[in-house]
């Protein structure tokens, strides 16, 4: 890296590189020395741009809050717009486990979810839901999203299972439904299960009889 790169370095570039390190390896991997190496600059330059490590972590939390606040609905109907927010929220949470943990440790989780909740409120209002029914719909979608992310993370961290799902579903426990046994013995497709659950949930939540229309 040449001198030109160093003089052109901006605070945003430092933050972006720090976020990449944390996303890939966790907060423990974020040292000023490693960050300087990543950027091809001196440690003193990192301090000049972002202050000390605590200041840098604070800035990363603020950046994460901003990114999570940029989720916007897409689509032409309340149903598609609701599901688009849920899908975007799940993707954003899944891509940032270490950064989300840092937000959580600072007691800012509710603040982080507020923009997505506001987008969901807007869409359930557009669908005709009001009051407690609207609040219940917003929370149900949020619970599904957060729950699916936590279950997926837990499965990824869990030790190998003995017996495995495949071995368990080889047993004669499936009520003479071999296709069911084969499907349950195969690894779960988390993304597909989330989308199936989301479609069923949103369809049920937006039923006309719930809105009283």
N, C-alpha and C. Protein backbone atom coordinates (compact mmCIF):
# COMPACT_ATOMS: atom_id res chain seq x y z
N UNK A 1 0.84 -1.20 0.00
CA UNK A 1 0.00 0.00 0.00
C UNK A 1 0.88 1.25 0.00
N UNK A 2 0.60 2.23 -0.83
CA UNK A 2 1.43 3.41 -0.94
C UNK A 2 0.97 4.52 -0.03
N UNK A 3 1.75 5.59 -0.02
CA UNK A 3 1.44 6.74 0.83
C UNK A 3 0.10 7.36 0.44
N UNK A 4 -0.24 7.24 -0.85
CA UNK A 4 -1.49 7.82 -1.31
C UNK A 4 -2.69 7.21 -0.58
N UNK A 5 -2.63 5.87 -0.37
CA UNK A 5 -3.72 5.18 0.33
C UNK A 5 -3.86 5.72 1.74
N UNK A 6 -2.70 5.92 2.40
CA UNK A 6 -2.73 6.37 3.79
C UNK A 6 -3.32 7.78 3.91
N UNK A 7 -2.90 8.67 3.04
CA UNK A 7 -3.40 10.04 3.17
C UNK A 7 -4.88 10.12 2.79
N UNK A 8 -5.34 9.17 1.95
CA UNK A 8 -6.73 9.21 1.51
C UNK A 8 -7.68 8.49 2.48
N UNK A 9 -7.10 7.89 3.53
CA UNK A 9 -7.92 7.11 4.46
C UNK A 9 -8.96 8.01 5.15
N UNK A 10 -10.18 7.48 5.25
CA UNK A 10 -11.25 8.24 5.92
C UNK A 10 -11.76 7.44 7.13
N UNK A 11 -12.44 8.15 8.03
CA UNK A 11 -13.03 7.48 9.19
C UNK A 11 -14.00 6.39 8.78
N UNK A 12 -14.75 6.63 7.71
CA UNK A 12 -15.72 5.63 7.23
C UNK A 12 -15.01 4.35 6.77
N UNK A 13 -13.85 4.52 6.11
CA UNK A 13 -13.09 3.34 5.67
C UNK A 13 -12.58 2.54 6.88
N UNK A 14 -12.14 3.25 7.89
CA UNK A 14 -11.68 2.58 9.12
C UNK A 14 -12.83 1.80 9.74
N UNK A 15 -14.00 2.44 9.84
CA UNK A 15 -15.18 1.78 10.41
C UNK A 15 -15.60 0.56 9.59
N UNK A 16 -15.59 0.72 8.27
CA UNK A 16 -16.00 -0.39 7.39
C UNK A 16 -15.06 -1.58 7.56
N UNK A 17 -13.75 -1.31 7.65
CA UNK A 17 -12.77 -2.39 7.83
C UNK A 17 -12.95 -3.04 9.20
N UNK A 18 -13.21 -2.23 10.23
CA UNK A 18 -13.44 -2.77 11.57
C UNK A 18 -14.69 -3.65 11.59
N UNK A 19 -15.74 -3.20 10.91
CA UNK A 19 -16.98 -3.98 10.85
C UNK A 19 -16.74 -5.32 10.14
N UNK A 20 -15.95 -5.30 9.08
CA UNK A 20 -15.63 -6.55 8.37
C UNK A 20 -14.90 -7.53 9.29
N UNK A 21 -13.94 -7.01 10.05
CA UNK A 21 -13.19 -7.87 10.98
C UNK A 21 -14.11 -8.49 12.02
N UNK A 22 -14.97 -7.67 12.62
CA UNK A 22 -15.88 -8.16 13.66
C UNK A 22 -16.87 -9.16 13.08
N UNK A 23 -17.42 -8.86 11.89
CA UNK A 23 -18.39 -9.76 11.26
C UNK A 23 -17.76 -11.12 10.98
N UNK A 24 -16.49 -11.11 10.58
CA UNK A 24 -15.84 -12.36 10.19
C UNK A 24 -15.29 -13.13 11.39
N UNK A 25 -14.75 -12.41 12.38
CA UNK A 25 -13.98 -13.11 13.42
C UNK A 25 -14.40 -12.79 14.85
N UNK A 26 -15.33 -11.84 15.03
CA UNK A 26 -15.75 -11.49 16.39
C UNK A 26 -14.97 -10.31 16.94
N UNK A 27 -15.49 -9.69 18.02
CA UNK A 27 -14.86 -8.48 18.59
C UNK A 27 -13.43 -8.72 19.08
N UNK A 28 -13.12 -9.93 19.54
CA UNK A 28 -11.78 -10.19 20.07
C UNK A 28 -10.71 -10.00 18.99
N UNK A 29 -11.10 -10.20 17.72
CA UNK A 29 -10.13 -10.06 16.61
C UNK A 29 -9.84 -8.61 16.29
N UNK A 30 -10.62 -7.71 16.86
CA UNK A 30 -10.48 -6.29 16.51
C UNK A 30 -9.45 -5.63 17.42
N UNK A 31 -8.21 -5.57 16.95
CA UNK A 31 -7.17 -4.81 17.64
C UNK A 31 -6.75 -3.68 16.72
N UNK A 32 -6.24 -2.61 17.32
CA UNK A 32 -5.82 -1.46 16.52
C UNK A 32 -4.69 -1.86 15.57
N UNK A 33 -3.81 -2.74 16.04
CA UNK A 33 -2.68 -3.18 15.21
C UNK A 33 -3.18 -3.96 13.99
N UNK A 34 -4.12 -4.89 14.23
CA UNK A 34 -4.63 -5.68 13.11
C UNK A 34 -5.39 -4.80 12.11
N UNK A 35 -6.14 -3.86 12.65
CA UNK A 35 -6.90 -2.95 11.79
C UNK A 35 -5.95 -2.11 10.93
N UNK A 36 -4.87 -1.63 11.55
CA UNK A 36 -3.87 -0.84 10.82
C UNK A 36 -3.25 -1.68 9.70
N UNK A 37 -2.96 -2.95 10.00
CA UNK A 37 -2.39 -3.85 8.99
C UNK A 37 -3.36 -4.05 7.84
N UNK A 38 -4.64 -4.27 8.18
CA UNK A 38 -5.67 -4.46 7.15
C UNK A 38 -5.73 -3.27 6.21
N UNK A 39 -5.56 -2.07 6.78
CA UNK A 39 -5.72 -0.84 6.00
C UNK A 39 -4.39 -0.35 5.42
N UNK A 40 -3.28 -1.02 5.77
CA UNK A 40 -1.98 -0.59 5.26
C UNK A 40 -1.57 0.77 5.76
N UNK A 41 -1.87 1.02 7.03
CA UNK A 41 -1.57 2.33 7.60
C UNK A 41 -0.94 2.16 8.98
N UNK A 42 -0.60 3.26 9.62
CA UNK A 42 0.01 3.21 10.96
C UNK A 42 -1.08 3.18 12.03
N UNK A 43 -0.76 2.56 13.17
CA UNK A 43 -1.71 2.50 14.29
C UNK A 43 -2.12 3.92 14.71
N UNK A 44 -1.17 4.84 14.68
CA UNK A 44 -1.47 6.23 15.08
C UNK A 44 -2.54 6.84 14.18
N UNK A 45 -2.54 6.44 12.91
CA UNK A 45 -3.55 6.95 11.97
C UNK A 45 -4.94 6.44 12.35
N UNK A 46 -5.01 5.19 12.81
CA UNK A 46 -6.30 4.61 13.25
C UNK A 46 -6.83 5.41 14.45
N UNK A 47 -5.93 5.66 15.44
CA UNK A 47 -6.35 6.43 16.62
C UNK A 47 -6.82 7.83 16.22
N UNK A 48 -6.13 8.43 15.27
CA UNK A 48 -6.49 9.79 14.83
C UNK A 48 -7.90 9.81 14.24
N UNK A 49 -8.24 8.76 13.51
CA UNK A 49 -9.55 8.73 12.84
C UNK A 49 -10.70 8.33 13.77
N UNK A 50 -10.48 7.39 14.68
CA UNK A 50 -11.61 6.85 15.45
C UNK A 50 -11.42 6.89 16.96
N UNK A 51 -10.31 7.44 17.43
CA UNK A 51 -10.09 7.45 18.87
C UNK A 51 -9.60 6.09 19.35
N UNK A 52 -9.86 5.77 20.62
CA UNK A 52 -9.37 4.50 21.16
C UNK A 52 -10.32 3.35 20.80
N UNK A 53 -9.99 2.15 21.26
CA UNK A 53 -10.77 0.96 20.87
C UNK A 53 -12.22 1.06 21.35
N UNK A 54 -12.44 1.58 22.56
CA UNK A 54 -13.82 1.73 23.06
C UNK A 54 -14.63 2.66 22.17
N UNK A 55 -13.99 3.76 21.76
CA UNK A 55 -14.68 4.69 20.84
C UNK A 55 -15.02 4.01 19.53
N UNK A 56 -14.09 3.17 19.07
CA UNK A 56 -14.31 2.43 17.82
C UNK A 56 -15.49 1.47 17.97
N UNK A 57 -15.55 0.76 19.09
CA UNK A 57 -16.66 -0.18 19.33
C UNK A 57 -17.99 0.59 19.40
N UNK A 58 -17.98 1.75 20.07
CA UNK A 58 -19.19 2.59 20.13
C UNK A 58 -19.64 2.99 18.72
N UNK A 59 -18.66 3.36 17.89
CA UNK A 59 -18.97 3.77 16.52
C UNK A 59 -19.52 2.60 15.71
N UNK A 60 -19.00 1.40 15.96
CA UNK A 60 -19.49 0.21 15.26
C UNK A 60 -20.93 -0.10 15.66
N UNK A 61 -21.24 0.08 16.93
CA UNK A 61 -22.62 -0.13 17.40
C UNK A 61 -23.55 0.88 16.74
N UNK A 62 -23.12 2.16 16.70
CA UNK A 62 -23.94 3.20 16.06
C UNK A 62 -24.13 2.89 14.57
N UNK A 63 -23.08 2.41 13.92
CA UNK A 63 -23.16 2.06 12.49
C UNK A 63 -24.13 0.91 12.27
N UNK A 64 -24.10 -0.08 13.18
CA UNK A 64 -25.01 -1.23 13.08
C UNK A 64 -26.46 -0.78 13.25
N UNK A 65 -26.70 0.10 14.23
CA UNK A 65 -28.05 0.64 14.43
C UNK A 65 -28.54 1.35 13.17
N UNK A 66 -27.64 2.11 12.54
CA UNK A 66 -28.01 2.83 11.32
C UNK A 66 -28.35 1.85 10.20
N UNK A 67 -27.53 0.81 10.03
CA UNK A 67 -27.78 -0.18 8.98
C UNK A 67 -29.10 -0.90 9.20
N UNK A 68 -29.38 -1.26 10.45
CA UNK A 68 -30.63 -1.96 10.76
C UNK A 68 -31.83 -1.04 10.56
N UNK A 69 -31.60 0.28 10.68
CA UNK A 69 -32.67 1.24 10.48
C UNK A 69 -32.97 1.52 9.02
N UNK A 70 -32.13 0.98 8.13
CA UNK A 70 -32.31 1.25 6.69
C UNK A 70 -33.18 0.20 5.99
N UNK A 71 -33.75 -0.73 6.76
CA UNK A 71 -34.63 -1.75 6.17
C UNK A 71 -35.92 -1.08 5.71
N UNK A 72 -36.24 -1.27 4.43
CA UNK A 72 -37.44 -0.65 3.85
C UNK A 72 -38.31 -1.72 3.19
N UNK A 73 -39.64 -1.61 3.30
CA UNK A 73 -40.50 -2.59 2.64
C UNK A 73 -40.47 -2.46 1.12
N UNK A 74 -40.67 -3.58 0.44
CA UNK A 74 -40.84 -3.57 -1.01
C UNK A 74 -42.08 -4.38 -1.34
N UNK A 75 -42.69 -4.09 -2.50
CA UNK A 75 -43.88 -4.83 -2.92
C UNK A 75 -45.10 -3.93 -3.04
N UNK A 76 -46.19 -4.50 -3.55
CA UNK A 76 -47.39 -3.72 -3.88
C UNK A 76 -48.56 -3.92 -2.92
N UNK A 77 -48.46 -4.91 -2.03
CA UNK A 77 -49.57 -5.19 -1.10
C UNK A 77 -49.03 -5.24 0.32
N UNK A 78 -49.90 -5.03 1.32
CA UNK A 78 -49.44 -5.16 2.70
C UNK A 78 -48.79 -6.52 2.97
N UNK A 79 -49.34 -7.58 2.37
CA UNK A 79 -48.79 -8.92 2.59
C UNK A 79 -47.33 -8.99 2.10
N UNK A 80 -47.10 -8.58 0.85
CA UNK A 80 -45.74 -8.69 0.30
C UNK A 80 -44.79 -7.72 1.01
N UNK A 81 -45.31 -6.56 1.41
CA UNK A 81 -44.46 -5.58 2.09
C UNK A 81 -44.11 -6.04 3.50
N UNK A 82 -45.07 -6.63 4.21
CA UNK A 82 -44.79 -7.20 5.53
C UNK A 82 -43.73 -8.30 5.44
N UNK A 83 -43.92 -9.22 4.49
CA UNK A 83 -42.97 -10.33 4.38
C UNK A 83 -41.61 -9.81 3.93
N UNK A 84 -41.56 -8.75 3.12
CA UNK A 84 -40.27 -8.21 2.68
C UNK A 84 -39.48 -7.64 3.86
N UNK A 85 -40.17 -6.97 4.78
CA UNK A 85 -39.50 -6.43 5.98
C UNK A 85 -38.96 -7.59 6.83
N UNK A 86 -39.79 -8.62 7.01
CA UNK A 86 -39.38 -9.77 7.82
C UNK A 86 -38.16 -10.46 7.22
N UNK A 87 -38.18 -10.64 5.90
CA UNK A 87 -37.06 -11.31 5.23
C UNK A 87 -35.78 -10.47 5.34
N UNK A 88 -35.91 -9.16 5.13
CA UNK A 88 -34.74 -8.27 5.20
C UNK A 88 -34.18 -8.23 6.62
N UNK A 89 -35.07 -8.22 7.61
CA UNK A 89 -34.64 -8.19 9.00
C UNK A 89 -33.90 -9.47 9.36
N UNK A 90 -34.43 -10.60 8.92
CA UNK A 90 -33.75 -11.88 9.19
C UNK A 90 -32.37 -11.93 8.55
N UNK A 91 -32.27 -11.48 7.31
CA UNK A 91 -30.98 -11.46 6.62
C UNK A 91 -29.99 -10.56 7.36
N UNK A 92 -30.45 -9.36 7.74
CA UNK A 92 -29.57 -8.40 8.41
C UNK A 92 -29.08 -8.95 9.75
N UNK A 93 -29.96 -9.59 10.51
CA UNK A 93 -29.56 -10.18 11.80
C UNK A 93 -28.59 -11.34 11.59
N UNK A 94 -28.90 -12.19 10.61
CA UNK A 94 -28.07 -13.36 10.35
C UNK A 94 -26.68 -13.02 9.88
N UNK A 95 -26.54 -11.90 9.18
CA UNK A 95 -25.23 -11.51 8.65
C UNK A 95 -24.34 -10.82 9.69
N UNK A 96 -24.90 -10.42 10.83
CA UNK A 96 -24.16 -9.60 11.80
C UNK A 96 -24.19 -10.15 13.23
N UNK A 97 -24.01 -11.44 13.45
CA UNK A 97 -24.19 -11.95 14.81
C UNK A 97 -23.30 -11.26 15.85
N UNK A 98 -22.03 -11.01 15.51
CA UNK A 98 -21.12 -10.40 16.48
C UNK A 98 -21.48 -8.94 16.74
N UNK A 99 -21.85 -8.22 15.68
CA UNK A 99 -22.24 -6.83 15.84
C UNK A 99 -23.55 -6.70 16.60
N UNK A 100 -24.50 -7.61 16.32
CA UNK A 100 -25.78 -7.61 17.04
C UNK A 100 -25.54 -7.88 18.53
N UNK A 101 -24.60 -8.79 18.82
CA UNK A 101 -24.27 -9.09 20.23
C UNK A 101 -23.73 -7.84 20.91
N UNK A 102 -22.92 -7.06 20.20
CA UNK A 102 -22.39 -5.82 20.78
C UNK A 102 -23.51 -4.82 21.05
N UNK A 103 -24.47 -4.73 20.15
CA UNK A 103 -25.63 -3.85 20.36
C UNK A 103 -26.40 -4.31 21.60
N UNK A 104 -26.60 -5.62 21.70
CA UNK A 104 -27.35 -6.21 22.82
C UNK A 104 -26.65 -5.92 24.15
N UNK A 105 -25.33 -6.08 24.18
CA UNK A 105 -24.55 -5.86 25.42
C UNK A 105 -24.67 -4.42 25.90
N UNK A 106 -24.93 -3.50 24.99
CA UNK A 106 -25.05 -2.09 25.38
C UNK A 106 -26.50 -1.72 25.70
N UNK A 107 -27.39 -2.70 25.73
CA UNK A 107 -28.78 -2.43 26.09
C UNK A 107 -29.55 -1.67 25.02
N UNK A 108 -29.15 -1.85 23.75
CA UNK A 108 -29.77 -1.09 22.67
C UNK A 108 -30.59 -1.96 21.72
N UNK A 109 -30.93 -3.18 22.15
CA UNK A 109 -31.65 -4.09 21.26
C UNK A 109 -33.00 -3.53 20.85
N UNK A 110 -33.76 -3.01 21.80
CA UNK A 110 -35.09 -2.47 21.47
C UNK A 110 -34.97 -1.28 20.53
N UNK A 111 -33.97 -0.44 20.77
CA UNK A 111 -33.72 0.71 19.87
C UNK A 111 -33.40 0.20 18.46
N UNK A 112 -32.64 -0.88 18.37
CA UNK A 112 -32.25 -1.43 17.08
C UNK A 112 -33.47 -1.93 16.30
N UNK A 113 -34.43 -2.54 17.00
CA UNK A 113 -35.59 -3.11 16.33
C UNK A 113 -36.66 -2.07 15.98
N UNK A 114 -36.57 -0.88 16.59
CA UNK A 114 -37.65 0.10 16.44
C UNK A 114 -37.97 0.44 14.97
N UNK A 115 -36.97 0.75 14.12
CA UNK A 115 -37.32 1.09 12.73
C UNK A 115 -38.06 -0.03 12.00
N UNK A 116 -37.63 -1.27 12.18
CA UNK A 116 -38.32 -2.40 11.54
C UNK A 116 -39.74 -2.53 12.10
N UNK A 117 -39.90 -2.33 13.41
CA UNK A 117 -41.23 -2.38 14.01
C UNK A 117 -42.12 -1.29 13.42
N UNK A 118 -41.55 -0.10 13.24
CA UNK A 118 -42.34 1.01 12.68
C UNK A 118 -42.77 0.69 11.24
N UNK A 119 -41.88 0.06 10.47
CA UNK A 119 -42.24 -0.35 9.11
C UNK A 119 -43.36 -1.39 9.13
N UNK A 120 -43.29 -2.33 10.08
CA UNK A 120 -44.33 -3.35 10.21
C UNK A 120 -45.66 -2.72 10.62
N UNK A 121 -45.60 -1.76 11.55
CA UNK A 121 -46.82 -1.05 11.99
C UNK A 121 -47.49 -0.38 10.79
N UNK A 122 -46.69 0.28 9.97
CA UNK A 122 -47.24 0.97 8.80
C UNK A 122 -47.99 -0.01 7.90
N UNK A 123 -47.42 -1.19 7.71
CA UNK A 123 -48.03 -2.17 6.80
C UNK A 123 -49.27 -2.83 7.41
N UNK A 124 -49.26 -3.12 8.71
CA UNK A 124 -50.47 -3.72 9.30
C UNK A 124 -51.60 -2.69 9.36
N UNK A 125 -51.25 -1.41 9.53
CA UNK A 125 -52.27 -0.35 9.44
C UNK A 125 -52.86 -0.29 8.03
N UNK A 126 -51.98 -0.40 7.03
CA UNK A 126 -52.45 -0.37 5.64
C UNK A 126 -53.37 -1.56 5.35
N UNK A 127 -53.17 -2.66 6.08
CA UNK A 127 -54.01 -3.85 5.89
C UNK A 127 -55.31 -3.76 6.69
N UNK A 128 -55.49 -2.67 7.47
CA UNK A 128 -56.74 -2.48 8.20
C UNK A 128 -56.71 -2.90 9.65
N UNK A 129 -55.57 -3.36 10.15
CA UNK A 129 -55.49 -3.75 11.56
C UNK A 129 -55.24 -2.53 12.43
N UNK A 130 -55.84 -2.51 13.61
CA UNK A 130 -55.67 -1.41 14.55
C UNK A 130 -55.51 -1.96 15.96
N UNK A 131 -54.99 -1.11 16.84
CA UNK A 131 -54.96 -1.41 18.27
C UNK A 131 -54.20 -2.68 18.61
N UNK A 132 -54.79 -3.48 19.51
CA UNK A 132 -54.12 -4.69 20.00
C UNK A 132 -53.85 -5.70 18.89
N UNK A 133 -54.76 -5.80 17.92
CA UNK A 133 -54.55 -6.73 16.81
C UNK A 133 -53.34 -6.33 15.99
N UNK A 134 -53.17 -5.04 15.77
CA UNK A 134 -52.02 -4.55 15.01
C UNK A 134 -50.73 -4.81 15.78
N UNK A 135 -50.74 -4.54 17.09
CA UNK A 135 -49.56 -4.77 17.92
C UNK A 135 -49.19 -6.25 17.94
N UNK A 136 -50.21 -7.10 18.05
CA UNK A 136 -49.98 -8.55 18.08
C UNK A 136 -49.36 -9.02 16.76
N UNK A 137 -49.82 -8.48 15.65
CA UNK A 137 -49.28 -8.87 14.34
C UNK A 137 -47.81 -8.46 14.22
N UNK A 138 -47.50 -7.24 14.64
CA UNK A 138 -46.11 -6.75 14.58
C UNK A 138 -45.20 -7.65 15.42
N UNK A 139 -45.64 -7.96 16.64
CA UNK A 139 -44.81 -8.77 17.54
C UNK A 139 -44.69 -10.21 17.05
N UNK A 140 -45.77 -10.74 16.48
CA UNK A 140 -45.73 -12.13 15.98
C UNK A 140 -44.69 -12.26 14.86
N UNK A 141 -44.68 -11.29 13.95
CA UNK A 141 -43.70 -11.33 12.85
C UNK A 141 -42.29 -11.19 13.42
N UNK A 142 -42.11 -10.26 14.36
CA UNK A 142 -40.78 -10.06 14.95
C UNK A 142 -40.31 -11.32 15.68
N UNK A 143 -41.21 -11.97 16.43
CA UNK A 143 -40.87 -13.20 17.16
C UNK A 143 -40.43 -14.30 16.19
N UNK A 144 -41.15 -14.42 15.08
CA UNK A 144 -40.79 -15.45 14.10
C UNK A 144 -39.39 -15.19 13.54
N UNK A 145 -39.11 -13.95 13.19
CA UNK A 145 -37.80 -13.60 12.62
C UNK A 145 -36.69 -13.89 13.62
N UNK A 146 -36.80 -13.31 14.82
CA UNK A 146 -35.75 -13.46 15.83
C UNK A 146 -35.61 -14.93 16.24
N UNK A 147 -36.75 -15.61 16.41
CA UNK A 147 -36.72 -17.02 16.79
C UNK A 147 -36.01 -17.88 15.76
N UNK A 148 -36.27 -17.61 14.48
CA UNK A 148 -35.65 -18.42 13.43
C UNK A 148 -34.14 -18.21 13.41
N UNK A 149 -33.70 -16.97 13.65
CA UNK A 149 -32.25 -16.68 13.68
C UNK A 149 -31.60 -17.40 14.86
N UNK A 150 -32.25 -17.34 16.03
CA UNK A 150 -31.68 -17.97 17.22
C UNK A 150 -31.64 -19.49 17.09
N UNK A 151 -32.69 -20.08 16.54
CA UNK A 151 -32.71 -21.54 16.35
C UNK A 151 -31.59 -21.97 15.40
N UNK A 152 -31.43 -21.22 14.31
CA UNK A 152 -30.39 -21.55 13.33
C UNK A 152 -29.01 -21.46 13.97
N UNK A 153 -28.79 -20.40 14.74
CA UNK A 153 -27.49 -20.22 15.40
C UNK A 153 -27.24 -21.33 16.41
N UNK A 154 -28.29 -21.71 17.14
CA UNK A 154 -28.16 -22.76 18.13
C UNK A 154 -27.83 -24.10 17.49
N UNK A 155 -28.48 -24.38 16.35
CA UNK A 155 -28.19 -25.62 15.62
C UNK A 155 -26.75 -25.65 15.13
N UNK A 156 -26.26 -24.50 14.67
CA UNK A 156 -24.89 -24.43 14.16
C UNK A 156 -23.87 -24.67 15.27
N UNK A 157 -24.22 -24.27 16.50
CA UNK A 157 -23.29 -24.40 17.62
C UNK A 157 -23.41 -25.73 18.35
N UNK A 158 -24.51 -26.45 18.13
CA UNK A 158 -24.77 -27.64 18.96
C UNK A 158 -23.83 -28.78 18.58
N UNK A 159 -23.49 -29.64 19.55
CA UNK A 159 -22.62 -30.79 19.25
C UNK A 159 -23.32 -31.79 18.34
N UNK A 160 -22.54 -32.69 17.75
CA UNK A 160 -23.12 -33.74 16.90
C UNK A 160 -24.11 -34.55 17.73
N UNK A 161 -25.24 -34.88 17.12
CA UNK A 161 -26.31 -35.57 17.83
C UNK A 161 -26.19 -37.08 17.67
N UNK A 162 -26.33 -37.80 18.78
CA UNK A 162 -26.29 -39.27 18.76
C UNK A 162 -27.52 -39.79 19.51
N UNK A 163 -28.46 -40.48 18.87
CA UNK A 163 -28.49 -40.74 17.43
C UNK A 163 -28.84 -39.48 16.63
N UNK A 164 -28.49 -39.49 15.36
CA UNK A 164 -28.77 -38.36 14.49
C UNK A 164 -30.24 -38.40 14.06
N UNK A 165 -30.70 -37.30 13.44
CA UNK A 165 -32.07 -37.27 12.91
C UNK A 165 -32.29 -38.42 11.93
N UNK A 166 -31.28 -38.66 11.09
CA UNK A 166 -31.40 -39.72 10.08
C UNK A 166 -31.65 -41.07 10.76
N UNK A 167 -30.89 -41.34 11.85
CA UNK A 167 -31.03 -42.63 12.55
C UNK A 167 -32.39 -42.70 13.27
N UNK A 168 -32.80 -41.59 13.86
CA UNK A 168 -34.08 -41.57 14.57
C UNK A 168 -35.25 -41.84 13.63
N UNK A 169 -35.19 -41.24 12.42
CA UNK A 169 -36.30 -41.39 11.49
C UNK A 169 -36.19 -42.64 10.63
N UNK A 170 -35.14 -43.44 10.85
CA UNK A 170 -35.11 -44.78 10.26
C UNK A 170 -36.00 -45.72 11.07
N UNK A 171 -36.25 -45.32 12.30
CA UNK A 171 -37.07 -46.15 13.18
C UNK A 171 -38.53 -46.12 12.73
N UNK A 172 -39.31 -47.16 13.07
CA UNK A 172 -40.72 -47.23 12.62
C UNK A 172 -41.64 -46.31 13.43
N UNK A 173 -41.39 -45.00 13.33
CA UNK A 173 -42.17 -44.05 14.15
C UNK A 173 -42.98 -43.09 13.29
N UNK A 174 -43.11 -43.38 12.01
CA UNK A 174 -43.66 -42.36 11.12
C UNK A 174 -45.07 -42.66 10.62
N UNK A 175 -45.77 -43.59 11.26
CA UNK A 175 -47.15 -43.86 10.86
C UNK A 175 -47.27 -44.28 9.41
N UNK A 176 -46.39 -45.15 8.98
CA UNK A 176 -46.40 -45.69 7.61
C UNK A 176 -46.41 -44.59 6.55
N UNK A 177 -45.54 -43.63 6.74
CA UNK A 177 -45.39 -42.55 5.76
C UNK A 177 -43.90 -42.45 5.41
N UNK A 178 -43.44 -43.31 4.51
CA UNK A 178 -41.99 -43.33 4.22
C UNK A 178 -41.47 -42.01 3.65
N UNK A 179 -42.31 -41.27 2.91
CA UNK A 179 -41.86 -39.98 2.37
C UNK A 179 -41.61 -38.99 3.50
N UNK A 180 -42.47 -39.04 4.52
CA UNK A 180 -42.27 -38.21 5.71
C UNK A 180 -40.96 -38.57 6.40
N UNK A 181 -40.72 -39.88 6.56
CA UNK A 181 -39.51 -40.34 7.23
C UNK A 181 -38.27 -39.84 6.48
N UNK A 182 -38.30 -39.96 5.15
CA UNK A 182 -37.15 -39.50 4.34
C UNK A 182 -36.94 -38.00 4.51
N UNK A 183 -38.03 -37.25 4.49
CA UNK A 183 -37.93 -35.79 4.59
C UNK A 183 -37.39 -35.37 5.95
N UNK A 184 -37.87 -36.02 7.03
CA UNK A 184 -37.43 -35.65 8.37
C UNK A 184 -36.02 -36.15 8.68
N UNK A 185 -35.56 -37.16 7.94
CA UNK A 185 -34.19 -37.66 8.11
C UNK A 185 -33.19 -36.74 7.42
N UNK A 186 -33.66 -35.97 6.43
CA UNK A 186 -32.77 -35.07 5.69
C UNK A 186 -32.54 -33.80 6.51
N UNK A 187 -31.43 -33.09 6.25
CA UNK A 187 -31.18 -31.82 6.97
C UNK A 187 -32.30 -30.82 6.70
N UNK A 188 -32.64 -30.05 7.72
CA UNK A 188 -33.69 -29.02 7.56
C UNK A 188 -33.18 -27.89 6.68
N UNK A 189 -34.04 -27.41 5.79
CA UNK A 189 -33.74 -26.23 4.96
C UNK A 189 -34.29 -25.02 5.71
N UNK A 190 -33.43 -24.37 6.49
CA UNK A 190 -33.87 -23.30 7.39
C UNK A 190 -34.52 -22.15 6.63
N UNK A 191 -33.96 -21.78 5.49
CA UNK A 191 -34.50 -20.65 4.72
C UNK A 191 -35.90 -20.97 4.22
N UNK A 192 -36.08 -22.18 3.70
CA UNK A 192 -37.40 -22.57 3.19
C UNK A 192 -38.42 -22.65 4.34
N UNK A 193 -38.01 -23.22 5.46
CA UNK A 193 -38.92 -23.33 6.61
C UNK A 193 -39.35 -21.95 7.10
N UNK A 194 -38.39 -21.02 7.11
CA UNK A 194 -38.73 -19.66 7.53
C UNK A 194 -39.76 -19.04 6.59
N UNK A 195 -39.55 -19.19 5.28
CA UNK A 195 -40.46 -18.59 4.30
C UNK A 195 -41.85 -19.22 4.36
N UNK A 196 -41.91 -20.55 4.54
CA UNK A 196 -43.20 -21.25 4.68
C UNK A 196 -43.94 -20.73 5.93
N UNK A 197 -43.20 -20.63 7.04
CA UNK A 197 -43.79 -20.15 8.30
C UNK A 197 -44.25 -18.71 8.17
N UNK A 198 -43.43 -17.88 7.53
CA UNK A 198 -43.76 -16.46 7.37
C UNK A 198 -45.01 -16.27 6.52
N UNK A 199 -45.10 -17.01 5.41
CA UNK A 199 -46.28 -16.91 4.54
C UNK A 199 -47.55 -17.31 5.30
N UNK A 200 -47.45 -18.42 6.04
CA UNK A 200 -48.62 -18.90 6.79
C UNK A 200 -49.02 -17.90 7.87
N UNK A 201 -48.02 -17.36 8.56
CA UNK A 201 -48.29 -16.43 9.65
C UNK A 201 -48.92 -15.14 9.12
N UNK A 202 -48.32 -14.55 8.09
CA UNK A 202 -48.83 -13.27 7.58
C UNK A 202 -50.22 -13.44 6.96
N UNK A 203 -50.42 -14.54 6.24
CA UNK A 203 -51.75 -14.82 5.67
C UNK A 203 -52.80 -14.87 6.78
N UNK A 204 -52.47 -15.56 7.87
CA UNK A 204 -53.39 -15.68 9.00
C UNK A 204 -53.61 -14.33 9.70
N UNK A 205 -52.54 -13.59 9.91
CA UNK A 205 -52.64 -12.30 10.61
C UNK A 205 -53.46 -11.27 9.84
N UNK A 206 -53.40 -11.31 8.50
CA UNK A 206 -54.07 -10.30 7.69
C UNK A 206 -55.46 -10.72 7.22
N UNK A 207 -56.00 -11.81 7.78
CA UNK A 207 -57.35 -12.22 7.40
C UNK A 207 -58.35 -11.11 7.68
N UNK A 208 -59.29 -10.89 6.76
CA UNK A 208 -60.25 -9.78 6.93
C UNK A 208 -60.98 -9.81 8.26
N UNK A 209 -61.30 -11.02 8.75
CA UNK A 209 -62.08 -11.08 10.00
C UNK A 209 -61.29 -10.56 11.20
N UNK A 210 -59.95 -10.57 11.10
CA UNK A 210 -59.15 -10.01 12.19
C UNK A 210 -59.22 -8.49 12.22
N UNK A 211 -59.33 -7.87 11.05
CA UNK A 211 -59.38 -6.42 10.99
C UNK A 211 -60.80 -5.88 11.20
N UNK A 212 -61.76 -6.78 11.15
CA UNK A 212 -63.15 -6.38 11.34
C UNK A 212 -63.78 -5.79 10.10
N UNK A 213 -63.12 -6.02 8.92
CA UNK A 213 -63.70 -5.48 7.68
C UNK A 213 -64.41 -6.58 6.92
